[in-house]
Amino acid sequence: MEKLGGFRNILAHLYDEIIPEKVYESLRHALIDHPQYLAELENYLNSLEQANGEADSEP
């Protein structure tokens, strides 16, 4: 996902130097990596919920 941030910077600041093949390749990789990123984010959020639930149940 880090590479996607760099790609965003190119789109925003160097739009006159965009190469369509690189756009395609970056988006293709983002679509592959995005589900893994979402799964990791969901696991992290679930761990926070569990930690909060355990902290709330302590006397």
N, C-alpha and C. Protein backbone atom coordinates (compact mmCIF):
# COMPACT_ATOMS: atom_id res chain seq x y z
N MET A 1 0.82 -1.19 0.00
CA MET A 1 0.00 0.00 0.00
C MET A 1 0.87 1.26 0.00
N GLU A 2 2.08 1.12 0.48
CA GLU A 2 2.98 2.28 0.50
C GLU A 2 3.23 2.80 -0.91
N LYS A 3 3.37 1.87 -1.85
CA LYS A 3 3.62 2.27 -3.24
C LYS A 3 2.43 3.04 -3.80
N LEU A 4 1.23 2.69 -3.34
CA LEU A 4 0.05 3.39 -3.82
C LEU A 4 0.07 4.86 -3.39
N GLY A 5 0.60 5.13 -2.21
CA GLY A 5 0.74 6.52 -1.76
C GLY A 5 1.68 7.30 -2.66
N GLY A 6 2.78 6.67 -3.04
CA GLY A 6 3.71 7.31 -3.97
C GLY A 6 3.08 7.55 -5.32
N PHE A 7 2.27 6.59 -5.75
CA PHE A 7 1.57 6.73 -7.02
C PHE A 7 0.59 7.91 -6.96
N ARG A 8 -0.08 8.06 -5.83
CA ARG A 8 -1.01 9.19 -5.66
C ARG A 8 -0.27 10.51 -5.81
N ASN A 9 0.93 10.57 -5.24
CA ASN A 9 1.72 11.80 -5.35
C ASN A 9 2.08 12.12 -6.80
N ILE A 10 2.40 11.09 -7.56
CA ILE A 10 2.71 11.30 -8.98
C ILE A 10 1.48 11.83 -9.70
N LEU A 11 0.32 11.22 -9.44
CA LEU A 11 -0.91 11.68 -10.09
C LEU A 11 -1.22 13.13 -9.73
N ALA A 12 -0.99 13.48 -8.48
CA ALA A 12 -1.34 14.82 -8.01
C ALA A 12 -0.35 15.90 -8.45
N HIS A 13 0.92 15.55 -8.52
CA HIS A 13 1.94 16.58 -8.73
C HIS A 13 2.67 16.50 -10.06
N LEU A 14 2.68 15.33 -10.66
CA LEU A 14 3.43 15.15 -11.91
C LEU A 14 2.51 14.65 -13.02
N TYR A 15 1.28 15.15 -13.03
CA TYR A 15 0.28 14.62 -13.96
C TYR A 15 0.67 14.76 -15.42
N ASP A 16 1.56 15.66 -15.74
CA ASP A 16 1.99 15.81 -17.13
C ASP A 16 3.02 14.75 -17.53
N GLU A 17 3.47 13.95 -16.56
CA GLU A 17 4.45 12.90 -16.84
C GLU A 17 3.87 11.50 -16.67
N ILE A 18 2.55 11.38 -16.63
CA ILE A 18 1.90 10.09 -16.38
C ILE A 18 2.07 9.17 -17.59
N ILE A 19 2.45 7.93 -17.30
CA ILE A 19 2.60 6.91 -18.33
C ILE A 19 1.46 5.91 -18.12
N PRO A 20 0.56 5.77 -19.10
CA PRO A 20 -0.62 4.91 -18.93
C PRO A 20 -0.29 3.48 -18.49
N GLU A 21 0.79 2.92 -18.99
CA GLU A 21 1.16 1.56 -18.60
C GLU A 21 1.49 1.47 -17.11
N LYS A 22 2.13 2.51 -16.59
CA LYS A 22 2.45 2.53 -15.16
C LYS A 22 1.18 2.70 -14.32
N VAL A 23 0.23 3.49 -14.82
CA VAL A 23 -1.05 3.64 -14.13
C VAL A 23 -1.73 2.29 -14.03
N TYR A 24 -1.81 1.59 -15.15
CA TYR A 24 -2.43 0.27 -15.19
C TYR A 24 -1.75 -0.68 -14.21
N GLU A 25 -0.44 -0.73 -14.25
CA GLU A 25 0.32 -1.65 -13.38
C GLU A 25 0.12 -1.30 -11.91
N SER A 26 0.14 -0.04 -11.57
CA SER A 26 -0.06 0.38 -10.17
C SER A 26 -1.45 0.00 -9.68
N LEU A 27 -2.46 0.24 -10.50
CA LEU A 27 -3.82 -0.11 -10.10
C LEU A 27 -4.01 -1.62 -9.99
N ARG A 28 -3.38 -2.36 -10.88
CA ARG A 28 -3.47 -3.82 -10.82
C ARG A 28 -2.89 -4.34 -9.51
N HIS A 29 -1.75 -3.81 -9.11
CA HIS A 29 -1.13 -4.23 -7.84
C HIS A 29 -1.98 -3.78 -6.65
N ALA A 30 -2.56 -2.60 -6.73
CA ALA A 30 -3.40 -2.12 -5.63
C ALA A 30 -4.60 -3.03 -5.44
N LEU A 31 -5.19 -3.50 -6.52
CA LEU A 31 -6.35 -4.39 -6.41
C LEU A 31 -5.96 -5.74 -5.81
N ILE A 32 -4.74 -6.16 -6.04
CA ILE A 32 -4.26 -7.41 -5.46
C ILE A 32 -3.98 -7.23 -3.97
N ASP A 33 -3.35 -6.13 -3.59
CA ASP A 33 -2.94 -5.89 -2.21
C ASP A 33 -4.08 -5.41 -1.31
N HIS A 34 -5.08 -4.77 -1.88
CA HIS A 34 -6.13 -4.15 -1.07
C HIS A 34 -6.87 -5.14 -0.16
N PRO A 35 -7.29 -6.32 -0.64
CA PRO A 35 -7.97 -7.25 0.27
C PRO A 35 -7.12 -7.66 1.47
N GLN A 36 -5.83 -7.85 1.27
CA GLN A 36 -4.94 -8.19 2.38
C GLN A 36 -4.86 -7.04 3.37
N TYR A 37 -4.77 -5.83 2.87
CA TYR A 37 -4.74 -4.65 3.74
C TYR A 37 -6.01 -4.56 4.57
N LEU A 38 -7.16 -4.76 3.94
CA LEU A 38 -8.43 -4.71 4.66
C LEU A 38 -8.52 -5.79 5.72
N ALA A 39 -8.05 -7.00 5.41
CA ALA A 39 -8.07 -8.09 6.38
C ALA A 39 -7.20 -7.76 7.59
N GLU A 40 -6.02 -7.21 7.35
CA GLU A 40 -5.14 -6.84 8.45
C GLU A 40 -5.74 -5.72 9.29
N LEU A 41 -6.36 -4.76 8.64
CA LEU A 41 -7.02 -3.68 9.36
C LEU A 41 -8.18 -4.21 10.21
N GLU A 42 -8.95 -5.12 9.65
CA GLU A 42 -10.06 -5.72 10.40
C GLU A 42 -9.55 -6.49 11.61
N ASN A 43 -8.49 -7.26 11.44
CA ASN A 43 -7.90 -7.99 12.57
C ASN A 43 -7.44 -7.03 13.67
N TYR A 44 -6.83 -5.95 13.27
CA TYR A 44 -6.36 -4.96 14.24
C TYR A 44 -7.53 -4.34 15.00
N LEU A 45 -8.56 -3.95 14.28
CA LEU A 45 -9.73 -3.35 14.93
C LEU A 45 -10.41 -4.35 15.85
N ASN A 46 -10.49 -5.60 15.44
CA ASN A 46 -11.07 -6.64 16.30
C ASN A 46 -10.25 -6.81 17.58
N SER A 47 -8.93 -6.75 17.46
CA SER A 47 -8.09 -6.89 18.65
C SER A 47 -8.30 -5.72 19.61
N LEU A 48 -8.53 -4.52 19.06
CA LEU A 48 -8.83 -3.37 19.91
C LEU A 48 -10.16 -3.55 20.62
N GLU A 49 -11.15 -4.06 19.90
CA GLU A 49 -12.46 -4.30 20.52
C GLU A 49 -12.35 -5.32 21.64
N GLN A 50 -11.59 -6.38 21.40
CA GLN A 50 -11.41 -7.40 22.43
C GLN A 50 -10.70 -6.82 23.64
N ALA A 51 -9.67 -6.03 23.41
CA ALA A 51 -8.93 -5.42 24.51
C ALA A 51 -9.84 -4.48 25.29
N ASN A 52 -10.67 -3.72 24.62
CA ASN A 52 -11.60 -2.83 25.29
C ASN A 52 -12.65 -3.61 26.06
N GLY A 53 -13.13 -4.70 25.49
CA GLY A 53 -14.11 -5.54 26.17
C GLY A 53 -13.54 -6.15 27.43
N GLU A 54 -12.30 -6.58 27.37
CA GLU A 54 -11.65 -7.16 28.55
C GLU A 54 -11.40 -6.09 29.60
N ALA A 55 -11.03 -4.90 29.18
CA ALA A 55 -10.77 -3.81 30.13
C ALA A 55 -12.07 -3.37 30.79
N ASP A 56 -13.18 -3.37 30.04
CA ASP A 56 -14.47 -2.96 30.59
C ASP A 56 -15.00 -3.97 31.60
N SER A 57 -14.63 -5.25 31.45
CA SER A 57 -15.17 -6.27 32.35
C SER A 57 -14.34 -6.44 33.62
N GLU A 58 -13.20 -5.77 33.70
CA GLU A 58 -12.38 -5.86 34.92
C GLU A 58 -13.00 -5.02 36.02
N PRO A 59 -12.94 -5.53 37.28
CA PRO A 59 -13.52 -4.77 38.41
C PRO A 59 -12.73 -3.54 38.77
